[in-house]
Amino acid sequence: MAVATDISDEAASEAETVAAAVEEQTSTLTDVSHSANDLTERATLLTDAMNRFETGDPDATDHQFRVIGDD
């Protein structure tokens, strides 16, 4: 019975290690996803500003281009 207990304890320990690694990876992927969303929003703002500038929109000033990256 001691062998079965040792195997069970080892399996439980490995399961805890895997669960911790999965949790860490999930956290990292969530951070990456948030960063990607932020970059997408910035790219959209920049694209919109560039389009307004190219079409001669009087509201598309140099100041707006500087503000986009000033977080």
PDB file of N, CA and C in Angstrom:
ATOM      1  N   MET A   1       0.813  -1.182   0.000  1.00  0.00           N
ATOM      2  CA  MET A   1       0.000   0.000   0.000  1.00  0.00           C
ATOM      3  C   MET A   1       0.863   1.255   0.000  1.00  0.00           C
ATOM      4  N   ALA A   2       2.058   1.175   0.583  1.00  0.00           N
ATOM      5  CA  ALA A   2       2.950   2.331   0.655  1.00  0.00           C
ATOM      6  C   ALA A   2       3.363   2.795  -0.734  1.00  0.00           C
ATOM      7  N   VAL A   3       3.558   1.847  -1.663  1.00  0.00           N
ATOM      8  CA  VAL A   3       3.935   2.197  -3.033  1.00  0.00           C
ATOM      9  C   VAL A   3       2.810   2.983  -3.699  1.00  0.00           C
ATOM     10  N   ALA A   4       1.587   2.547  -3.509  1.00  0.00           N
ATOM     11  CA  ALA A   4       0.439   3.246  -4.094  1.00  0.00           C
ATOM     12  C   ALA A   4       0.317   4.653  -3.523  1.00  0.00           C
ATOM     13  N   THR A   5       0.575   4.797  -2.238  1.00  0.00           N
ATOM     14  CA  THR A   5       0.512   6.121  -1.601  1.00  0.00           C
ATOM     15  C   THR A   5       1.601   7.028  -2.152  1.00  0.00           C
ATOM     16  N   ASP A   6       2.812   6.479  -2.326  1.00  0.00           N
ATOM     17  CA  ASP A   6       3.917   7.267  -2.878  1.00  0.00           C
ATOM     18  C   ASP A   6       3.598   7.733  -4.297  1.00  0.00           C
ATOM     19  N   ILE A   7       3.054   6.831  -5.103  1.00  0.00           N
ATOM     20  CA  ILE A   7       2.689   7.171  -6.479  1.00  0.00           C
ATOM     21  C   ILE A   7       1.592   8.230  -6.484  1.00  0.00           C
ATOM     22  N   SER A   8       0.629   8.068  -5.604  1.00  0.00           N
ATOM     23  CA  SER A   8      -0.466   9.032  -5.508  1.00  0.00           C
ATOM     24  C   SER A   8       0.048  10.405  -5.082  1.00  0.00           C
ATOM     25  N   ASP A   9       0.947  10.435  -4.108  1.00  0.00           N
ATOM     26  CA  ASP A   9       1.527  11.701  -3.650  1.00  0.00           C
ATOM     27  C   ASP A   9       2.340  12.364  -4.759  1.00  0.00           C
ATOM     28  N   GLU A  10       3.093  11.544  -5.491  1.00  0.00           N
ATOM     29  CA  GLU A  10       3.898  12.069  -6.591  1.00  0.00           C
ATOM     30  C   GLU A  10       2.999  12.636  -7.692  1.00  0.00           C
ATOM     31  N   ALA A  11       1.935  11.923  -8.004  1.00  0.00           N
ATOM     32  CA  ALA A  11       1.002  12.396  -9.027  1.00  0.00           C
ATOM     33  C   ALA A  11       0.326  13.691  -8.586  1.00  0.00           C
ATOM     34  N   ALA A  12      -0.030  13.775  -7.331  1.00  0.00           N
ATOM     35  CA  ALA A  12      -0.660  14.993  -6.811  1.00  0.00           C
ATOM     36  C   ALA A  12       0.313  16.162  -6.872  1.00  0.00           C
ATOM     37  N   SER A  13       1.561  15.910  -6.546  1.00  0.00           N
ATOM     38  CA  SER A  13       2.581  16.956  -6.599  1.00  0.00           C
ATOM     39  C   SER A  13       2.790  17.437  -8.034  1.00  0.00           C
ATOM     40  N   GLU A  14       2.848  16.492  -8.967  1.00  0.00           N
ATOM     41  CA  GLU A  14       3.004  16.852 -10.377  1.00  0.00           C
ATOM     42  C   GLU A  14       1.785  17.619 -10.876  1.00  0.00           C
ATOM     43  N   ALA A  15       0.618  17.222 -10.439  1.00  0.00           N
ATOM     44  CA  ALA A  15      -0.609  17.921 -10.839  1.00  0.00           C
ATOM     45  C   ALA A  15      -0.602  19.357 -10.325  1.00  0.00           C
ATOM     46  N   GLU A  16      -0.133  19.557  -9.103  1.00  0.00           N
ATOM     47  CA  GLU A  16      -0.039  20.911  -8.548  1.00  0.00           C
ATOM     48  C   GLU A  16       0.953  21.755  -9.339  1.00  0.00           C
ATOM     49  N   THR A  17       2.075  21.141  -9.722  1.00  0.00           N
ATOM     50  CA  THR A  17       3.084  21.849 -10.509  1.00  0.00           C
ATOM     51  C   THR A  17       2.517  22.256 -11.861  1.00  0.00           C
ATOM     52  N   VAL A  18       1.817  21.343 -12.499  1.00  0.00           N
ATOM     53  CA  VAL A  18       1.205  21.639 -13.796  1.00  0.00           C
ATOM     54  C   VAL A  18       0.138  22.717 -13.647  1.00  0.00           C
ATOM     55  N   ALA A  19      -0.671  22.625 -12.621  1.00  0.00           N
ATOM     56  CA  ALA A  19      -1.724  23.624 -12.399  1.00  0.00           C
ATOM     57  C   ALA A  19      -1.118  25.009 -12.188  1.00  0.00           C
ATOM     58  N   ALA A  20      -0.030  25.087 -11.447  1.00  0.00           N
ATOM     59  CA  ALA A  20       0.637  26.376 -11.221  1.00  0.00           C
ATOM     60  C   ALA A  20       1.202  26.927 -12.527  1.00  0.00           C
ATOM     61  N   ALA A  21       1.780  26.055 -13.336  1.00  0.00           N
ATOM     62  CA  ALA A  21       2.323  26.491 -14.625  1.00  0.00           C
ATOM     63  C   ALA A  21       1.213  26.975 -15.551  1.00  0.00           C
ATOM     64  N   VAL A  22       0.099  26.267 -15.552  1.00  0.00           N
ATOM     65  CA  VAL A  22      -1.041  26.671 -16.378  1.00  0.00           C
ATOM     66  C   VAL A  22      -1.568  28.029 -15.924  1.00  0.00           C
ATOM     67  N   GLU A  23      -1.657  28.220 -14.628  1.00  0.00           N
ATOM     68  CA  GLU A  23      -2.133  29.505 -14.095  1.00  0.00           C
ATOM     69  C   GLU A  23      -1.198  30.646 -14.500  1.00  0.00           C
ATOM     70  N   GLU A  24       0.097  30.397 -14.422  1.00  0.00           N
ATOM     71  CA  GLU A  24       1.075  31.422 -14.803  1.00  0.00           C
ATOM     72  C   GLU A  24       0.970  31.739 -16.292  1.00  0.00           C
ATOM     73  N   GLN A  25       0.845  30.699 -17.117  1.00  0.00           N
ATOM     74  CA  GLN A  25       0.728  30.906 -18.558  1.00  0.00           C
ATOM     75  C   GLN A  25      -0.560  31.648 -18.901  1.00  0.00           C
ATOM     76  N   THR A  26      -1.635  31.313 -18.218  1.00  0.00           N
ATOM     77  CA  THR A  26      -2.911  31.988 -18.446  1.00  0.00           C
ATOM     78  C   THR A  26      -2.794  33.466 -18.106  1.00  0.00           C
ATOM     79  N   SER A  27      -2.135  33.760 -17.009  1.00  0.00           N
ATOM     80  CA  SER A  27      -1.927  35.148 -16.607  1.00  0.00           C
ATOM     81  C   SER A  27      -1.096  35.895 -17.650  1.00  0.00           C
ATOM     82  N   THR A  28      -0.046  35.257 -18.123  1.00  0.00           N
ATOM     83  CA  THR A  28       0.808  35.875 -19.142  1.00  0.00           C
ATOM     84  C   THR A  28       0.031  36.110 -20.428  1.00  0.00           C
ATOM     85  N   LEU A  29      -0.747  35.127 -20.842  1.00  0.00           N
ATOM     86  CA  LEU A  29      -1.542  35.286 -22.063  1.00  0.00           C
ATOM     87  C   LEU A  29      -2.583  36.393 -21.917  1.00  0.00           C
ATOM     88  N   THR A  30      -3.148  36.532 -20.739  1.00  0.00           N
ATOM     89  CA  THR A  30      -4.103  37.612 -20.490  1.00  0.00           C
ATOM     90  C   THR A  30      -3.409  38.961 -20.621  1.00  0.00           C
ATOM     91  N   ASP A  31      -2.208  39.074 -20.058  1.00  0.00           N
ATOM     92  CA  ASP A  31      -1.445  40.320 -20.172  1.00  0.00           C
ATOM     93  C   ASP A  31      -1.121  40.632 -21.630  1.00  0.00           C
ATOM     94  N   VAL A  32      -0.706  39.626 -22.377  1.00  0.00           N
ATOM     95  CA  VAL A  32      -0.391  39.810 -23.795  1.00  0.00           C
ATOM     96  C   VAL A  32      -1.640  40.237 -24.562  1.00  0.00           C
ATOM     97  N   SER A  33      -2.761  39.620 -24.251  1.00  0.00           N
ATOM     98  CA  SER A  33      -4.019  39.970 -24.908  1.00  0.00           C
ATOM     99  C   SER A  33      -4.394  41.421 -24.638  1.00  0.00           C
ATOM    100  N   HIS A  34      -4.238  41.860 -23.391  1.00  0.00           N
ATOM    101  CA  HIS A  34      -4.545  43.255 -23.051  1.00  0.00           C
ATOM    102  C   HIS A  34      -3.610  44.207 -23.786  1.00  0.00           C
ATOM    103  N   SER A  35      -2.338  43.849 -23.869  1.00  0.00           N
ATOM    104  CA  SER A  35      -1.375  44.683 -24.588  1.00  0.00           C
ATOM    105  C   SER A  35      -1.724  44.754 -26.071  1.00  0.00           C
ATOM    106  N   ALA A  36      -2.108  43.626 -26.636  1.00  0.00           N
ATOM    107  CA  ALA A  36      -2.498  43.602 -28.048  1.00  0.00           C
ATOM    108  C   ALA A  36      -3.728  44.466 -28.285  1.00  0.00           C
ATOM    109  N   ASN A  37      -4.682  44.409 -27.378  1.00  0.00           N
ATOM    110  CA  ASN A  37      -5.875  45.253 -27.511  1.00  0.00           C
ATOM    111  C   ASN A  37      -5.507  46.730 -27.438  1.00  0.00           C
ATOM    112  N   ASP A  38      -4.615  47.086 -26.520  1.00  0.00           N
ATOM    113  CA  ASP A  38      -4.164  48.476 -26.407  1.00  0.00           C
ATOM    114  C   ASP A  38      -3.480  48.933 -27.693  1.00  0.00           C
ATOM    115  N   LEU A  39      -2.619  48.081 -28.243  1.00  0.00           N
ATOM    116  CA  LEU A  39      -1.928  48.427 -29.488  1.00  0.00           C
ATOM    117  C   LEU A  39      -2.908  48.568 -30.645  1.00  0.00           C
ATOM    118  N   THR A  40      -3.914  47.718 -30.683  1.00  0.00           N
ATOM    119  CA  THR A  40      -4.930  47.810 -31.731  1.00  0.00           C
ATOM    120  C   THR A  40      -5.680  49.128 -31.632  1.00  0.00           C
ATOM    121  N   GLU A  41      -6.038  49.521 -30.416  1.00  0.00           N
ATOM    122  CA  GLU A  41      -6.731  50.798 -30.227  1.00  0.00           C
ATOM    123  C   GLU A  41      -5.857  51.965 -30.668  1.00  0.00           C
ATOM    124  N   ARG A  42      -4.581  51.924 -30.321  1.00  0.00           N
ATOM    125  CA  ARG A  42      -3.660  52.995 -30.718  1.00  0.00           C
ATOM    126  C   ARG A  42      -3.501  53.035 -32.234  1.00  0.00           C
ATOM    127  N   ALA A  43      -3.390  51.869 -32.847  1.00  0.00           N
ATOM    128  CA  ALA A  43      -3.254  51.814 -34.303  1.00  0.00           C
ATOM    129  C   ALA A  43      -4.495  52.381 -34.981  1.00  0.00           C
ATOM    130  N   THR A  44      -5.655  52.083 -34.439  1.00  0.00           N
ATOM    131  CA  THR A  44      -6.901  52.614 -34.995  1.00  0.00           C
ATOM    132  C   THR A  44      -6.932  54.133 -34.872  1.00  0.00           C
ATOM    133  N   LEU A  45      -6.551  54.652 -33.703  1.00  0.00           N
ATOM    134  CA  LEU A  45      -6.508  56.107 -33.515  1.00  0.00           C
ATOM    135  C   LEU A  45      -5.530  56.759 -34.486  1.00  0.00           C
ATOM    136  N   LEU A  46      -4.370  56.159 -34.639  1.00  0.00           N
ATOM    137  CA  LEU A  46      -3.368  56.706 -35.541  1.00  0.00           C
ATOM    138  C   LEU A  46      -3.855  56.660 -36.983  1.00  0.00           C
ATOM    139  N   THR A  47      -4.447  55.561 -37.385  1.00  0.00           N
ATOM    140  CA  THR A  47      -4.976  55.444 -38.743  1.00  0.00           C
ATOM    141  C   THR A  47      -6.053  56.487 -38.999  1.00  0.00           C
ATOM    142  N   ASP A  48      -6.960  56.654 -38.053  1.00  0.00           N
ATOM    143  CA  ASP A  48      -8.010  57.669 -38.197  1.00  0.00           C
ATOM    144  C   ASP A  48      -7.411  59.064 -38.309  1.00  0.00           C
ATOM    145  N   ALA A  49      -6.429  59.362 -37.461  1.00  0.00           N
ATOM    146  CA  ALA A  49      -5.790  60.680 -37.498  1.00  0.00           C
ATOM    147  C   ALA A  49      -5.073  60.900 -38.824  1.00  0.00           C
ATOM    148  N   MET A  50      -4.379  59.879 -39.301  1.00  0.00           N
ATOM    149  CA  MET A  50      -3.677  60.003 -40.584  1.00  0.00           C
ATOM    150  C   MET A  50      -4.666  60.198 -41.724  1.00  0.00           C
ATOM    151  N   ASN A  51      -5.781  59.488 -41.686  1.00  0.00           N
ATOM    152  CA  ASN A  51      -6.796  59.650 -42.728  1.00  0.00           C
ATOM    153  C   ASN A  51      -7.370  61.058 -42.713  1.00  0.00           C
ATOM    154  N   ARG A  52      -7.625  61.595 -41.518  1.00  0.00           N
ATOM    155  CA  ARG A  52      -8.138  62.967 -41.422  1.00  0.00           C
ATOM    156  C   ARG A  52      -7.102  63.959 -41.948  1.00  0.00           C
ATOM    157  N   PHE A  53      -5.853  63.730 -41.620  1.00  0.00           N
ATOM    158  CA  PHE A  53      -4.783  64.617 -42.068  1.00  0.00           C
ATOM    159  C   PHE A  53      -4.676  64.588 -43.591  1.00  0.00           C
ATOM    160  N   GLU A  54      -4.710  63.385 -44.170  1.00  0.00           N
ATOM    161  CA  GLU A  54      -4.575  63.236 -45.621  1.00  0.00           C
ATOM    162  C   GLU A  54      -5.746  63.844 -46.374  1.00  0.00           C
ATOM    163  N   THR A  55      -6.913  63.857 -45.771  1.00  0.00           N
ATOM    164  CA  THR A  55      -8.092  64.416 -46.445  1.00  0.00           C
ATOM    165  C   THR A  55      -8.236  65.911 -46.187  1.00  0.00           C
ATOM    166  N   GLY A  56      -7.296  66.490 -45.445  1.00  0.00           N
ATOM    167  CA  GLY A  56      -7.329  67.924 -45.206  1.00  0.00           C
ATOM    168  C   GLY A  56      -8.273  68.352 -44.104  1.00  0.00           C
ATOM    169  N   ASP A  57      -8.642  67.443 -43.244  1.00  0.00           N
ATOM    170  CA  ASP A  57      -9.518  67.773 -42.119  1.00  0.00           C
ATOM    171  C   ASP A  57      -8.821  68.818 -41.247  1.00  0.00           C
ATOM    172  N   PRO A  58      -9.458  69.973 -41.031  1.00  0.00           N
ATOM    173  CA  PRO A  58      -8.810  71.028 -40.239  1.00  0.00           C
ATOM    174  C   PRO A  58      -8.576  70.633 -38.777  1.00  0.00           C
ATOM    175  N   ASP A  59      -9.244  69.601 -38.294  1.00  0.00           N
ATOM    176  CA  ASP A  59      -9.041  69.153 -36.914  1.00  0.00           C
ATOM    177  C   ASP A  59      -7.833  68.226 -36.768  1.00  0.00           C
ATOM    178  N   ALA A  60      -7.269  67.807 -37.892  1.00  0.00           N
ATOM    179  CA  ALA A  60      -6.120  66.893 -37.846  1.00  0.00           C
ATOM    180  C   ALA A  60      -4.848  67.720 -37.734  1.00  0.00           C
ATOM    181  N   THR A  61      -4.465  68.030 -36.530  1.00  0.00           N
ATOM    182  CA  THR A  61      -3.286  68.869 -36.313  1.00  0.00           C
ATOM    183  C   THR A  61      -2.117  68.030 -35.844  1.00  0.00           C
ATOM    184  N   ASP A  62      -0.942  68.629 -35.901  1.00  0.00           N
ATOM    185  CA  ASP A  62       0.260  67.966 -35.416  1.00  0.00           C
ATOM    186  C   ASP A  62       0.106  67.609 -33.940  1.00  0.00           C
ATOM    187  N   HIS A  63      -0.592  68.449 -33.194  1.00  0.00           N
ATOM    188  CA  HIS A  63      -0.815  68.194 -31.767  1.00  0.00           C
ATOM    189  C   HIS A  63      -1.515  66.849 -31.551  1.00  0.00           C
ATOM    190  N   GLN A  64      -2.496  66.521 -32.384  1.00  0.00           N
ATOM    191  CA  GLN A  64      -3.212  65.255 -32.221  1.00  0.00           C
ATOM    192  C   GLN A  64      -2.274  64.067 -32.410  1.00  0.00           C
ATOM    193  N   PHE A  65      -1.326  64.183 -33.325  1.00  0.00           N
ATOM    194  CA  PHE A  65      -0.396  63.086 -33.538  1.00  0.00           C
ATOM    195  C   PHE A  65       0.493  62.883 -32.312  1.00  0.00           C
ATOM    196  N   ARG A  66       0.903  63.953 -31.672  1.00  0.00           N
ATOM    197  CA  ARG A  66       1.733  63.829 -30.471  1.00  0.00           C
ATOM    198  C   ARG A  66       0.940  63.234 -29.310  1.00  0.00           C
ATOM    199  N   VAL A  67      -0.323  63.601 -29.176  1.00  0.00           N
ATOM    200  CA  VAL A  67      -1.147  63.155 -28.052  1.00  0.00           C
ATOM    201  C   VAL A  67      -1.360  61.649 -28.081  1.00  0.00           C
ATOM    202  N   ILE A  68      -1.460  61.052 -29.255  1.00  0.00           N
ATOM    203  CA  ILE A  68      -1.735  59.618 -29.372  1.00  0.00           C
ATOM    204  C   ILE A  68      -0.708  58.794 -28.595  1.00  0.00           C
ATOM    205  N   GLY A  69       0.557  59.166 -28.652  1.00  0.00           N
ATOM    206  CA  GLY A  69       1.592  58.380 -27.983  1.00  0.00           C
ATOM    207  C   GLY A  69       1.950  58.863 -26.592  1.00  0.00           C
ATOM    208  N   ASP A  70       1.267  59.854 -26.083  1.00  0.00           N
ATOM    209  CA  ASP A  70       1.613  60.451 -24.787  1.00  0.00           C
ATOM    210  C   ASP A  70       0.760  59.915 -23.655  1.00  0.00           C
ATOM    211  N   ASP A  71       0.894  58.632 -23.342  1.00  0.00           N
ATOM    212  CA  ASP A  71       0.113  58.061 -22.230  1.00  0.00           C
ATOM    213  C   ASP A  71       0.864  58.140 -20.945  1.00  0.00           C
TER     214      ASP A  71
END
